[in-house]
Protein backbone atom coordinates (compact mmCIF):
# COMPACT_ATOMS: atom_id res chain seq x y z
CA MET A 1 162.20 122.61 28.20
CA LYS A 2 159.99 119.96 26.55
CA LYS A 3 157.07 118.75 28.68
CA GLY A 4 155.21 116.05 26.75
CA ALA A 5 153.22 117.65 23.96
CA TYR A 6 154.25 121.13 25.12
CA THR A 7 157.42 123.18 25.34
CA GLU A 8 158.03 125.77 28.04
CA VAL A 9 158.97 129.11 26.48
CA ALA A 10 160.49 131.82 28.69
CA VAL A 11 160.92 135.54 28.06
CA GLN A 12 163.38 137.73 30.00
CA MET A 13 162.27 141.33 30.61
CA GLU A 14 164.15 144.34 31.96
CA ILE A 15 161.87 147.31 32.71
CA GLN A 16 161.72 150.53 34.72
CA THR A 17 158.38 151.21 36.36
CA SER A 18 156.78 152.19 39.67
CA THR A 19 155.67 149.87 42.47
CA GLU A 20 152.10 150.33 41.23
CA GLY A 21 153.19 149.53 37.66
CA LEU A 22 154.88 146.33 38.82
CA ALA A 23 151.77 145.28 40.75
CA THR A 24 149.62 145.97 37.67
CA LEU A 25 151.96 143.92 35.47
CA LEU A 26 151.92 140.94 37.84
CA ALA A 27 148.12 141.12 38.19
CA GLY A 28 147.81 141.25 34.38
CA LEU A 29 149.92 138.10 34.03
CA SER A 30 147.53 136.18 36.27
CA ARG A 31 144.55 137.28 34.13
CA GLN A 32 145.96 135.98 30.82
CA PRO A 33 143.98 133.22 29.07
CA THR A 34 147.19 131.16 28.78
CA ILE A 35 148.95 129.95 31.89
CA LEU A 36 151.98 132.14 32.55
CA ARG A 37 154.27 131.94 35.52
CA VAL A 38 157.02 134.17 36.81
CA ARG A 39 160.18 132.06 37.06
CA LYS A 40 162.54 134.79 38.30
CA LEU A 41 161.91 138.28 39.65
CA SER A 42 164.18 140.91 41.10
CA ALA A 43 163.42 144.57 41.74
CA THR A 44 165.53 147.45 43.01
CA SER A 45 164.61 151.00 43.87
CA GLY A 46 166.68 154.13 44.41
CA MET A 47 166.85 155.51 47.94
CA PHE A 48 165.98 159.15 48.57
CA SER A 49 166.49 161.11 51.77
CA MET A 50 163.46 162.59 53.52
CA GLY A 51 164.62 166.18 52.80
CA GLN A 52 164.71 165.78 49.04
CA VAL A 53 161.98 167.12 46.82
CA GLN A 54 159.35 164.51 46.00
CA ARG A 55 160.49 162.52 42.98
CA LYS A 56 158.58 159.92 41.09
CA GLU A 57 159.55 156.46 42.33
CA VAL A 58 161.48 154.32 39.85
CA VAL A 59 161.75 150.56 40.30
CA VAL A 60 164.11 148.60 38.05
CA VAL A 61 162.66 145.14 37.45
CA SER A 62 164.25 142.05 35.93
CA MET A 63 161.88 139.15 35.43
CA GLU A 64 161.53 135.93 33.50
CA VAL A 65 158.02 134.86 32.51
CA ALA A 66 157.34 131.39 31.10
CA GLY A 67 154.38 129.83 29.34
CA LEU A 68 153.59 126.63 27.50
CA SER A 69 153.51 126.33 23.72
CA PRO A 70 152.70 123.27 21.57
CA ALA A 71 155.96 121.35 21.06
CA PRO A 72 157.16 120.80 17.50
CA LEU A 73 156.92 117.20 16.37
CA ASP A 74 160.15 115.25 16.51
CA GLU A 75 160.57 114.15 12.88
CA LYS A 76 162.55 111.04 13.80
CA ALA A 77 159.91 109.89 16.29
CA ALA A 78 157.17 110.50 13.70
CA GLY A 79 159.05 108.47 11.09
CA GLY A 80 159.70 111.50 8.88
CA GLY A 81 163.48 111.71 9.13
CA GLY A 82 166.19 109.36 8.18
CA ALA A 83 168.55 108.35 5.47
């Protein structure tokens, strides 16, 4: 989506991680020098009964992260295109 001199660029990610890994990923996004925002986020986790042997938690995460990038110049607006 074009926003003035910038274009919003989004990336869709599908990952498997732990709750701690997801928290680390989200905290890392907020520390980036460029402004990134999470547009969509969903997470699901398997359910285990109390009697089962301890298993490492797995969280399946689907997220869309967007940032701004300089927009390419519109050649027609700049007078560069035309026949």
